[in-house]
Amino acid sequence: MFIKNLKHEIKELAKTAVILAEKSLGSKKGKEKKEMAINYIVSNIPVHPIFKPLLTIFLSSFIDNAVEFAVEYMEEK
């Protein structure tokens, strides 16, 4: 249950992160925007800071996919 809720929270954070990265860096900076979005998600994951590095490693591919999904979602709007 914890992981399911955490994954939902990461998806929501990804949407916000993509919007903020786009506003901050504009176009033609895909790699930098993705890195900024990932850093935003990791820093805002609602878990104790001690567990963030482990969760970041454990969920790295999920976080990456959430950012890609958020980008596609924003492009459709």
PDB file of N, CA and C in Angstrom:
ATOM      1  N   MET A   1       0.820  -1.195   0.000  1.00  0.00           N
ATOM      2  CA  MET A   1       0.000   0.000   0.000  1.00  0.00           C
ATOM      3  C   MET A   1       0.868   1.266   0.000  1.00  0.00           C
ATOM      4  N   PHE A   2       1.934   1.232   0.791  1.00  0.00           N
ATOM      5  CA  PHE A   2       2.820   2.393   0.875  1.00  0.00           C
ATOM      6  C   PHE A   2       3.410   2.731  -0.486  1.00  0.00           C
ATOM      7  N   ILE A   3       3.915   1.706  -1.176  1.00  0.00           N
ATOM      8  CA  ILE A   3       4.541   1.938  -2.487  1.00  0.00           C
ATOM      9  C   ILE A   3       3.504   2.434  -3.491  1.00  0.00           C
ATOM     10  N   LYS A   4       2.304   1.886  -3.453  1.00  0.00           N
ATOM     11  CA  LYS A   4       1.254   2.324  -4.374  1.00  0.00           C
ATOM     12  C   LYS A   4       0.937   3.801  -4.172  1.00  0.00           C
ATOM     13  N   ASN A   5       0.786   4.219  -2.920  1.00  0.00           N
ATOM     14  CA  ASN A   5       0.524   5.627  -2.624  1.00  0.00           C
ATOM     15  C   ASN A   5       1.711   6.502  -3.006  1.00  0.00           C
ATOM     16  N   LEU A   6       2.906   5.999  -2.756  1.00  0.00           N
ATOM     17  CA  LEU A   6       4.109   6.755  -3.097  1.00  0.00           C
ATOM     18  C   LEU A   6       4.218   6.941  -4.609  1.00  0.00           C
ATOM     19  N   LYS A   7       3.900   5.908  -5.360  1.00  0.00           N
ATOM     20  CA  LYS A   7       3.952   6.022  -6.821  1.00  0.00           C
ATOM     21  C   LYS A   7       2.929   7.039  -7.329  1.00  0.00           C
ATOM     22  N   HIS A   8       1.758   7.054  -6.718  1.00  0.00           N
ATOM     23  CA  HIS A   8       0.754   8.050  -7.100  1.00  0.00           C
ATOM     24  C   HIS A   8       1.279   9.453  -6.805  1.00  0.00           C
ATOM     25  N   GLU A   9       1.875   9.636  -5.655  1.00  0.00           N
ATOM     26  CA  GLU A   9       2.431  10.938  -5.275  1.00  0.00           C
ATOM     27  C   GLU A   9       3.546  11.348  -6.237  1.00  0.00           C
ATOM     28  N   ILE A  10       4.372  10.415  -6.652  1.00  0.00           N
ATOM     29  CA  ILE A  10       5.453  10.711  -7.599  1.00  0.00           C
ATOM     30  C   ILE A  10       4.875  11.167  -8.938  1.00  0.00           C
ATOM     31  N   LYS A  11       3.821  10.520  -9.397  1.00  0.00           N
ATOM     32  CA  LYS A  11       3.185  10.933 -10.663  1.00  0.00           C
ATOM     33  C   LYS A  11       2.669  12.365 -10.566  1.00  0.00           C
ATOM     34  N   GLU A  12       2.061  12.705  -9.445  1.00  0.00           N
ATOM     35  CA  GLU A  12       1.560  14.073  -9.262  1.00  0.00           C
ATOM     36  C   GLU A  12       2.719  15.072  -9.179  1.00  0.00           C
ATOM     37  N   LEU A  13       3.770  14.706  -8.453  1.00  0.00           N
ATOM     38  CA  LEU A  13       4.952  15.573  -8.368  1.00  0.00           C
ATOM     39  C   LEU A  13       5.585  15.757  -9.744  1.00  0.00           C
ATOM     40  N   ALA A  14       5.556  14.722 -10.566  1.00  0.00           N
ATOM     41  CA  ALA A  14       6.150  14.805 -11.904  1.00  0.00           C
ATOM     42  C   ALA A  14       5.446  15.851 -12.752  1.00  0.00           C
ATOM     43  N   LYS A  15       4.138  15.925 -12.652  1.00  0.00           N
ATOM     44  CA  LYS A  15       3.397  16.943 -13.420  1.00  0.00           C
ATOM     45  C   LYS A  15       3.842  18.344 -13.020  1.00  0.00           C
ATOM     46  N   THR A  16       3.916  18.579 -11.731  1.00  0.00           N
ATOM     47  CA  THR A  16       4.357  19.887 -11.243  1.00  0.00           C
ATOM     48  C   THR A  16       5.797  20.156 -11.640  1.00  0.00           C
ATOM     49  N   ALA A  17       6.636  19.132 -11.513  1.00  0.00           N
ATOM     50  CA  ALA A  17       8.054  19.286 -11.832  1.00  0.00           C
ATOM     51  C   ALA A  17       8.271  19.643 -13.294  1.00  0.00           C
ATOM     52  N   VAL A  18       7.519  19.022 -14.177  1.00  0.00           N
ATOM     53  CA  VAL A  18       7.659  19.297 -15.616  1.00  0.00           C
ATOM     54  C   VAL A  18       7.228  20.727 -15.921  1.00  0.00           C
ATOM     55  N   ILE A  19       6.147  21.170 -15.324  1.00  0.00           N
ATOM     56  CA  ILE A  19       5.685  22.549 -15.531  1.00  0.00           C
ATOM     57  C   ILE A  19       6.732  23.544 -15.043  1.00  0.00           C
ATOM     58  N   LEU A  20       7.261  23.322 -13.840  1.00  0.00           N
ATOM     59  CA  LEU A  20       8.274  24.233 -13.290  1.00  0.00           C
ATOM     60  C   LEU A  20       9.548  24.238 -14.124  1.00  0.00           C
ATOM     61  N   ALA A  21       9.971  23.069 -14.579  1.00  0.00           N
ATOM     62  CA  ALA A  21      11.186  22.996 -15.398  1.00  0.00           C
ATOM     63  C   ALA A  21      10.995  23.720 -16.718  1.00  0.00           C
ATOM     64  N   GLU A  22       9.822  23.558 -17.326  1.00  0.00           N
ATOM     65  CA  GLU A  22       9.535  24.241 -18.584  1.00  0.00           C
ATOM     66  C   GLU A  22       9.542  25.757 -18.406  1.00  0.00           C
ATOM     67  N   LYS A  23       8.913  26.221 -17.340  1.00  0.00           N
ATOM     68  CA  LYS A  23       8.881  27.663 -17.073  1.00  0.00           C
ATOM     69  C   LYS A  23      10.267  28.210 -16.768  1.00  0.00           C
ATOM     70  N   SER A  24      11.062  27.443 -16.047  1.00  0.00           N
ATOM     71  CA  SER A  24      12.390  27.908 -15.642  1.00  0.00           C
ATOM     72  C   SER A  24      13.411  27.877 -16.774  1.00  0.00           C
ATOM     73  N   LEU A  25      13.374  26.823 -17.577  1.00  0.00           N
ATOM     74  CA  LEU A  25      14.433  26.630 -18.573  1.00  0.00           C
ATOM     75  C   LEU A  25      13.990  26.832 -20.018  1.00  0.00           C
ATOM     76  N   GLY A  26      12.689  26.875 -20.263  1.00  0.00           N
ATOM     77  CA  GLY A  26      12.215  27.082 -21.627  1.00  0.00           C
ATOM     78  C   GLY A  26      12.457  25.880 -22.516  1.00  0.00           C
ATOM     79  N   SER A  27      12.514  26.135 -23.816  1.00  0.00           N
ATOM     80  CA  SER A  27      12.650  25.040 -24.769  1.00  0.00           C
ATOM     81  C   SER A  27      14.116  24.758 -25.085  1.00  0.00           C
ATOM     82  N   LYS A  28      14.323  23.665 -25.788  1.00  0.00           N
ATOM     83  CA  LYS A  28      15.648  23.253 -26.275  1.00  0.00           C
ATOM     84  C   LYS A  28      16.615  22.867 -25.159  1.00  0.00           C
ATOM     85  N   LYS A  29      16.108  22.524 -23.990  1.00  0.00           N
ATOM     86  CA  LYS A  29      16.974  22.120 -22.885  1.00  0.00           C
ATOM     87  C   LYS A  29      16.413  20.864 -22.225  1.00  0.00           C
ATOM     88  N   GLY A  30      16.100  19.869 -23.044  1.00  0.00           N
ATOM     89  CA  GLY A  30      15.441  18.660 -22.569  1.00  0.00           C
ATOM     90  C   GLY A  30      16.165  17.941 -21.454  1.00  0.00           C
ATOM     91  N   LYS A  31      17.458  17.753 -21.615  1.00  0.00           N
ATOM     92  CA  LYS A  31      18.235  17.023 -20.609  1.00  0.00           C
ATOM     93  C   LYS A  31      18.236  17.776 -19.281  1.00  0.00           C
ATOM     94  N   GLU A  32      18.447  19.079 -19.338  1.00  0.00           N
ATOM     95  CA  GLU A  32      18.473  19.889 -18.122  1.00  0.00           C
ATOM     96  C   GLU A  32      17.102  19.925 -17.453  1.00  0.00           C
ATOM     97  N   LYS A  33      16.046  20.017 -18.259  1.00  0.00           N
ATOM     98  CA  LYS A  33      14.694  20.037 -17.703  1.00  0.00           C
ATOM     99  C   LYS A  33      14.367  18.716 -17.018  1.00  0.00           C
ATOM    100  N   LYS A  34      14.768  17.613 -17.645  1.00  0.00           N
ATOM    101  CA  LYS A  34      14.500  16.309 -17.049  1.00  0.00           C
ATOM    102  C   LYS A  34      15.238  16.160 -15.724  1.00  0.00           C
ATOM    103  N   GLU A  35      16.482  16.573 -15.698  1.00  0.00           N
ATOM    104  CA  GLU A  35      17.266  16.513 -14.468  1.00  0.00           C
ATOM    105  C   GLU A  35      16.638  17.386 -13.381  1.00  0.00           C
ATOM    106  N   MET A  36      16.204  18.574 -13.761  1.00  0.00           N
ATOM    107  CA  MET A  36      15.559  19.469 -12.806  1.00  0.00           C
ATOM    108  C   MET A  36      14.262  18.848 -12.266  1.00  0.00           C
ATOM    109  N   ALA A  37      13.492  18.227 -13.146  1.00  0.00           N
ATOM    110  CA  ALA A  37      12.237  17.591 -12.738  1.00  0.00           C
ATOM    111  C   ALA A  37      12.503  16.432 -11.780  1.00  0.00           C
ATOM    112  N   ILE A  38      13.483  15.622 -12.077  1.00  0.00           N
ATOM    113  CA  ILE A  38      13.819  14.496 -11.205  1.00  0.00           C
ATOM    114  C   ILE A  38      14.276  14.998  -9.839  1.00  0.00           C
ATOM    115  N   ASN A  39      15.103  16.017  -9.821  1.00  0.00           N
ATOM    116  CA  ASN A  39      15.559  16.584  -8.548  1.00  0.00           C
ATOM    117  C   ASN A  39      14.389  17.142  -7.737  1.00  0.00           C
ATOM    118  N   TYR A  40      13.444  17.770  -8.423  1.00  0.00           N
ATOM    119  CA  TYR A  40      12.255  18.298  -7.743  1.00  0.00           C
ATOM    120  C   TYR A  40      11.463  17.162  -7.107  1.00  0.00           C
ATOM    121  N   ILE A  41      11.244  16.104  -7.857  1.00  0.00           N
ATOM    122  CA  ILE A  41      10.480  14.962  -7.338  1.00  0.00           C
ATOM    123  C   ILE A  41      11.170  14.367  -6.122  1.00  0.00           C
ATOM    124  N   VAL A  42      12.458  14.095  -6.246  1.00  0.00           N
ATOM    125  CA  VAL A  42      13.198  13.476  -5.146  1.00  0.00           C
ATOM    126  C   VAL A  42      13.167  14.360  -3.904  1.00  0.00           C
ATOM    127  N   SER A  43      13.331  15.644  -4.080  1.00  0.00           N
ATOM    128  CA  SER A  43      13.349  16.524  -2.911  1.00  0.00           C
ATOM    129  C   SER A  43      11.974  16.672  -2.273  1.00  0.00           C
ATOM    130  N   ASN A  44      10.905  16.378  -3.018  1.00  0.00           N
ATOM    131  CA  ASN A  44       9.553  16.542  -2.488  1.00  0.00           C
ATOM    132  C   ASN A  44       8.825  15.231  -2.206  1.00  0.00           C
ATOM    133  N   ILE A  45       9.506  14.104  -2.341  1.00  0.00           N
ATOM    134  CA  ILE A  45       8.889  12.823  -1.989  1.00  0.00           C
ATOM    135  C   ILE A  45       8.550  12.873  -0.499  1.00  0.00           C
ATOM    136  N   PRO A  46       7.307  12.543  -0.160  1.00  0.00           N
ATOM    137  CA  PRO A  46       6.876  12.663   1.240  1.00  0.00           C
ATOM    138  C   PRO A  46       7.334  11.508   2.133  1.00  0.00           C
ATOM    139  N   VAL A  47       8.636  11.373   2.279  1.00  0.00           N
ATOM    140  CA  VAL A  47       9.206  10.378   3.188  1.00  0.00           C
ATOM    141  C   VAL A  47      10.320  11.041   3.988  1.00  0.00           C
ATOM    142  N   HIS A  48      10.697  10.392   5.063  1.00  0.00           N
ATOM    143  CA  HIS A  48      11.784  10.913   5.900  1.00  0.00           C
ATOM    144  C   HIS A  48      13.062  11.005   5.055  1.00  0.00           C
ATOM    145  N   PRO A  49      13.827  12.088   5.231  1.00  0.00           N
ATOM    146  CA  PRO A  49      15.042  12.283   4.420  1.00  0.00           C
ATOM    147  C   PRO A  49      16.030  11.120   4.461  1.00  0.00           C
ATOM    148  N   ILE A  50      16.048  10.374   5.533  1.00  0.00           N
ATOM    149  CA  ILE A  50      16.965   9.234   5.636  1.00  0.00           C
ATOM    150  C   ILE A  50      16.660   8.190   4.557  1.00  0.00           C
ATOM    151  N   PHE A  51      15.385   8.042   4.208  1.00  0.00           N
ATOM    152  CA  PHE A  51      14.982   7.013   3.253  1.00  0.00           C
ATOM    153  C   PHE A  51      15.013   7.475   1.796  1.00  0.00           C
ATOM    154  N   LYS A  52      15.152   8.772   1.557  1.00  0.00           N
ATOM    155  CA  LYS A  52      15.104   9.288   0.184  1.00  0.00           C
ATOM    156  C   LYS A  52      16.162   8.701  -0.745  1.00  0.00           C
ATOM    157  N   PRO A  53      17.426   8.596  -0.314  1.00  0.00           N
ATOM    158  CA  PRO A  53      18.421   8.017  -1.237  1.00  0.00           C
ATOM    159  C   PRO A  53      18.083   6.581  -1.649  1.00  0.00           C
ATOM    160  N   LEU A  54      17.636   5.777  -0.699  1.00  0.00           N
ATOM    161  CA  LEU A  54      17.290   4.393  -1.003  1.00  0.00           C
ATOM    162  C   LEU A  54      16.073   4.316  -1.924  1.00  0.00           C
ATOM    163  N   LEU A  55      15.053   5.107  -1.623  1.00  0.00           N
ATOM    164  CA  LEU A  55      13.864   5.123  -2.472  1.00  0.00           C
ATOM    165  C   LEU A  55      14.178   5.648  -3.860  1.00  0.00           C
ATOM    166  N   THR A  56      15.060   6.618  -3.934  1.00  0.00           N
ATOM    167  CA  THR A  56      15.445   7.173  -5.231  1.00  0.00           C
ATOM    168  C   THR A  56      16.098   6.101  -6.096  1.00  0.00           C
ATOM    169  N   ILE A  57      16.941   5.288  -5.498  1.00  0.00           N
ATOM    170  CA  ILE A  57      17.577   4.202  -6.237  1.00  0.00           C
ATOM    171  C   ILE A  57      16.547   3.138  -6.603  1.00  0.00           C
ATOM    172  N   PHE A  58      15.735   2.771  -5.634  1.00  0.00           N
ATOM    173  CA  PHE A  58      14.741   1.718  -5.825  1.00  0.00           C
ATOM    174  C   PHE A  58      13.700   2.103  -6.881  1.00  0.00           C
ATOM    175  N   LEU A  59      13.329   3.374  -6.911  1.00  0.00           N
ATOM    176  CA  LEU A  59      12.274   3.841  -7.820  1.00  0.00           C
ATOM    177  C   LEU A  59      12.795   4.691  -8.972  1.00  0.00           C
ATOM    178  N   SER A  60      14.084   4.651  -9.241  1.00  0.00           N
ATOM    179  CA  SER A  60      14.664   5.537 -10.259  1.00  0.00           C
ATOM    180  C   SER A  60      14.012   5.370 -11.625  1.00  0.00           C
ATOM    181  N   SER A  61      13.778   4.149 -12.051  1.00  0.00           N
ATOM    182  CA  SER A  61      13.182   3.979 -13.371  1.00  0.00           C
ATOM    183  C   SER A  61      11.717   4.409 -13.356  1.00  0.00           C
ATOM    184  N   PHE A  62      11.034   4.213 -12.232  1.00  0.00           N
ATOM    185  CA  PHE A  62       9.649   4.680 -12.134  1.00  0.00           C
ATOM    186  C   PHE A  62       9.593   6.208 -12.183  1.00  0.00           C
ATOM    187  N   ILE A  63      10.510   6.868 -11.485  1.00  0.00           N
ATOM    188  CA  ILE A  63      10.562   8.333 -11.489  1.00  0.00           C
ATOM    189  C   ILE A  63      10.844   8.835 -12.898  1.00  0.00           C
ATOM    190  N   ASP A  64      11.791   8.208 -13.568  1.00  0.00           N
ATOM    191  CA  ASP A  64      12.120   8.580 -14.940  1.00  0.00           C
ATOM    192  C   ASP A  64      10.898   8.440 -15.844  1.00  0.00           C
ATOM    193  N   ASN A  65      10.195   7.334 -15.714  1.00  0.00           N
ATOM    194  CA  ASN A  65       8.991   7.118 -16.520  1.00  0.00           C
ATOM    195  C   ASN A  65       7.885   8.111 -16.172  1.00  0.00           C
ATOM    196  N   ALA A  66       7.770   8.462 -14.910  1.00  0.00           N
ATOM    197  CA  ALA A  66       6.752   9.433 -14.489  1.00  0.00           C
ATOM    198  C   ALA A  66       7.017  10.794 -15.128  1.00  0.00           C
ATOM    199  N   VAL A  67       8.286  11.173 -15.220  1.00  0.00           N
ATOM    200  CA  VAL A  67       8.636  12.443 -15.859  1.00  0.00           C
ATOM    201  C   VAL A  67       8.280  12.376 -17.348  1.00  0.00           C
ATOM    202  N   GLU A  68       8.617  11.299 -18.002  1.00  0.00           N
ATOM    203  CA  GLU A  68       8.287  11.146 -19.427  1.00  0.00           C
ATOM    204  C   GLU A  68       6.773  11.181 -19.645  1.00  0.00           C
ATOM    205  N   PHE A  69       6.033  10.503 -18.782  1.00  0.00           N
ATOM    206  CA  PHE A  69       4.577  10.509 -18.877  1.00  0.00           C
ATOM    207  C   PHE A  69       4.028  11.923 -18.682  1.00  0.00           C
ATOM    208  N   ALA A  70       4.580  12.647 -17.710  1.00  0.00           N
ATOM    209  CA  ALA A  70       4.128  14.018 -17.440  1.00  0.00           C
ATOM    210  C   ALA A  70       4.405  14.924 -18.637  1.00  0.00           C
ATOM    211  N   VAL A  71       5.539  14.738 -19.286  1.00  0.00           N
ATOM    212  CA  VAL A  71       5.870  15.523 -20.475  1.00  0.00           C
ATOM    213  C   VAL A  71       4.834  15.267 -21.569  1.00  0.00           C
ATOM    214  N   GLU A  72       4.543  14.004 -21.809  1.00  0.00           N
ATOM    215  CA  GLU A  72       3.545  13.655 -22.820  1.00  0.00           C
ATOM    216  C   GLU A  72       2.176  14.213 -22.453  1.00  0.00           C
ATOM    217  N   TYR A  73       1.830  14.134 -21.179  1.00  0.00           N
ATOM    218  CA  TYR A  73       0.543  14.638 -20.696  1.00  0.00           C
ATOM    219  C   TYR A  73       0.454  16.154 -20.938  1.00  0.00           C
ATOM    220  N   MET A  74       1.516  16.871 -20.645  1.00  0.00           N
ATOM    221  CA  MET A  74       1.509  18.327 -20.814  1.00  0.00           C
ATOM    222  C   MET A  74       1.474  18.719 -22.281  1.00  0.00           C
ATOM    223  N   GLU A  75       2.107  17.935 -23.137  1.00  0.00           N
ATOM    224  CA  GLU A  75       2.114  18.237 -24.568  1.00  0.00           C
ATOM    225  C   GLU A  75       0.727  18.057 -25.172  1.00  0.00           C
ATOM    226  N   GLU A  76      -0.079  17.168 -24.605  1.00  0.00           N
ATOM    227  CA  GLU A  76      -1.427  16.934 -25.105  1.00  0.00           C
ATOM    228  C   GLU A  76      -2.370  18.077 -24.749  1.00  0.00           C
ATOM    229  N   LYS A  77      -2.072  18.794 -23.704  1.00  0.00           N
ATOM    230  CA  LYS A  77      -2.966  19.879 -23.246  1.00  0.00           C
ATOM    231  C   LYS A  77      -2.828  21.114 -24.092  1.00  0.00           C
TER     232      LYS A  77
END
